[in-house]
Amino acid sequence: MPGGRPPHPDGDTIPCPPRPTGPPVTRRQWIYGALCVLVALAAIAIRIAT
């Protein structure tokens, strides 16, 4: 486009502000996650055993 910005070279991206990091995972979230994994594994083990 005449009079426009020059194109970015290959491999470069348009700079943008960094994404904000979320809050750290709480102990309760860890416990709920582990509990969900244990329930899912138990359900799979029971399904395989029967």
N, C-alpha and C. Protein backbone atom coordinates (compact mmCIF):
# COMPACT_ATOMS: atom_id res chain seq x y z
N MET A 1 0.85 -1.16 0.00
CA MET A 1 0.00 0.00 0.00
C MET A 1 0.90 1.24 0.00
N PRO A 2 0.72 2.10 -0.93
CA PRO A 2 1.57 3.28 -0.99
C PRO A 2 1.37 4.18 0.25
N GLY A 3 2.46 4.62 0.82
CA GLY A 3 2.41 5.51 1.97
C GLY A 3 2.13 4.81 3.28
N GLY A 4 1.96 3.48 3.26
CA GLY A 4 1.67 2.73 4.49
C GLY A 4 2.95 2.29 5.18
N ARG A 5 2.78 1.61 6.29
CA ARG A 5 3.94 1.08 7.00
C ARG A 5 4.59 -0.04 6.20
N PRO A 6 5.88 -0.20 6.32
CA PRO A 6 6.52 -1.32 5.64
C PRO A 6 6.08 -2.64 6.29
N PRO A 7 6.05 -3.72 5.54
CA PRO A 7 5.62 -4.99 6.12
C PRO A 7 6.64 -5.50 7.16
N HIS A 8 6.15 -6.27 8.08
CA HIS A 8 7.04 -6.88 9.07
C HIS A 8 7.84 -7.99 8.38
N PRO A 9 9.10 -8.13 8.74
CA PRO A 9 9.89 -9.22 8.17
C PRO A 9 9.32 -10.57 8.59
N ASP A 10 9.64 -11.59 7.83
CA ASP A 10 9.16 -12.94 8.15
C ASP A 10 9.63 -13.36 9.54
N GLY A 11 8.74 -13.97 10.30
CA GLY A 11 9.09 -14.45 11.63
C GLY A 11 8.83 -13.45 12.73
N ASP A 12 8.65 -12.19 12.39
CA ASP A 12 8.38 -11.19 13.42
C ASP A 12 6.88 -11.07 13.64
N THR A 13 6.51 -10.73 14.83
CA THR A 13 5.10 -10.50 15.12
C THR A 13 4.92 -9.05 15.55
N ILE A 14 3.70 -8.62 15.47
CA ILE A 14 3.40 -7.26 15.90
C ILE A 14 3.51 -7.21 17.42
N PRO A 15 4.29 -6.30 17.98
CA PRO A 15 4.44 -6.27 19.43
C PRO A 15 3.12 -5.92 20.12
N CYS A 16 2.87 -6.57 21.22
CA CYS A 16 1.68 -6.28 22.00
C CYS A 16 2.04 -6.41 23.48
N PRO A 17 1.26 -5.82 24.35
CA PRO A 17 1.59 -5.91 25.77
C PRO A 17 1.50 -7.35 26.27
N PRO A 18 2.29 -7.72 27.25
CA PRO A 18 2.25 -9.09 27.75
C PRO A 18 0.92 -9.39 28.42
N ARG A 19 0.52 -10.66 28.34
CA ARG A 19 -0.74 -11.06 28.97
C ARG A 19 -0.56 -11.08 30.48
N PRO A 20 -1.55 -10.59 31.21
CA PRO A 20 -1.42 -10.63 32.67
C PRO A 20 -1.49 -12.07 33.18
N THR A 21 -0.70 -12.37 34.18
CA THR A 21 -0.72 -13.71 34.75
C THR A 21 -1.89 -13.81 35.72
N GLY A 22 -2.47 -14.98 35.76
CA GLY A 22 -3.60 -15.20 36.65
C GLY A 22 -3.13 -15.38 38.09
N PRO A 23 -4.07 -15.41 39.00
CA PRO A 23 -3.70 -15.62 40.39
C PRO A 23 -3.16 -17.04 40.58
N PRO A 24 -2.30 -17.26 41.56
CA PRO A 24 -1.77 -18.60 41.77
C PRO A 24 -2.86 -19.58 42.20
N VAL A 25 -2.63 -20.84 41.95
CA VAL A 25 -3.60 -21.88 42.30
C VAL A 25 -3.60 -22.06 43.81
N THR A 26 -4.79 -22.08 44.38
CA THR A 26 -4.90 -22.20 45.83
C THR A 26 -4.85 -23.68 46.24
N ARG A 27 -4.65 -23.90 47.53
CA ARG A 27 -4.60 -25.27 48.05
C ARG A 27 -5.92 -25.98 47.83
N ARG A 28 -7.02 -25.25 47.95
CA ARG A 28 -8.34 -25.86 47.74
C ARG A 28 -8.49 -26.32 46.30
N GLN A 29 -7.99 -25.53 45.35
CA GLN A 29 -8.07 -25.94 43.94
C GLN A 29 -7.23 -27.19 43.69
N TRP A 30 -6.06 -27.27 44.33
CA TRP A 30 -5.23 -28.48 44.21
C TRP A 30 -5.97 -29.69 44.74
N ILE A 31 -6.63 -29.53 45.90
CA ILE A 31 -7.34 -30.65 46.52
C ILE A 31 -8.50 -31.10 45.63
N TYR A 32 -9.28 -30.14 45.11
CA TYR A 32 -10.38 -30.50 44.22
C TYR A 32 -9.88 -31.18 42.95
N GLY A 33 -8.79 -30.70 42.40
CA GLY A 33 -8.24 -31.32 41.19
C GLY A 33 -7.78 -32.73 41.45
N ALA A 34 -7.07 -32.93 42.57
CA ALA A 34 -6.60 -34.28 42.91
C ALA A 34 -7.78 -35.20 43.18
N LEU A 35 -8.81 -34.70 43.84
CA LEU A 35 -9.99 -35.51 44.12
C LEU A 35 -10.69 -35.93 42.83
N CYS A 36 -10.79 -35.02 41.87
CA CYS A 36 -11.41 -35.36 40.58
C CYS A 36 -10.60 -36.43 39.85
N VAL A 37 -9.29 -36.31 39.89
CA VAL A 37 -8.43 -37.30 39.24
C VAL A 37 -8.59 -38.66 39.91
N LEU A 38 -8.62 -38.69 41.24
CA LEU A 38 -8.77 -39.96 41.95
C LEU A 38 -10.12 -40.60 41.67
N VAL A 39 -11.18 -39.81 41.62
CA VAL A 39 -12.51 -40.36 41.31
C VAL A 39 -12.53 -40.92 39.89
N ALA A 40 -11.94 -40.20 38.96
CA ALA A 40 -11.92 -40.67 37.57
C ALA A 40 -11.10 -41.95 37.45
N LEU A 41 -9.95 -42.02 38.10
CA LEU A 41 -9.14 -43.24 38.05
C LEU A 41 -9.85 -44.41 38.72
N ALA A 42 -10.54 -44.15 39.82
CA ALA A 42 -11.29 -45.22 40.48
C ALA A 42 -12.41 -45.72 39.58
N ALA A 43 -13.09 -44.81 38.91
CA ALA A 43 -14.17 -45.23 38.01
C ALA A 43 -13.62 -46.07 36.85
N ILE A 44 -12.48 -45.68 36.32
CA ILE A 44 -11.87 -46.45 35.24
C ILE A 44 -11.44 -47.82 35.74
N ALA A 45 -10.83 -47.88 36.93
CA ALA A 45 -10.38 -49.15 37.48
C ALA A 45 -11.56 -50.08 37.76
N ILE A 46 -12.66 -49.54 38.28
CA ILE A 46 -13.84 -50.36 38.53
C ILE A 46 -14.43 -50.86 37.21
N ARG A 47 -14.44 -50.00 36.21
CA ARG A 47 -14.99 -50.39 34.90
C ARG A 47 -14.14 -51.51 34.28
N ILE A 48 -12.82 -51.43 34.43
CA ILE A 48 -11.94 -52.45 33.86
C ILE A 48 -12.08 -53.76 34.63
N ALA A 49 -12.24 -53.67 35.95
CA ALA A 49 -12.29 -54.88 36.78
C ALA A 49 -13.58 -55.65 36.59
N THR A 50 -14.64 -55.00 36.15
CA THR A 50 -15.92 -55.72 36.01
C THR A 50 -16.14 -56.21 34.60
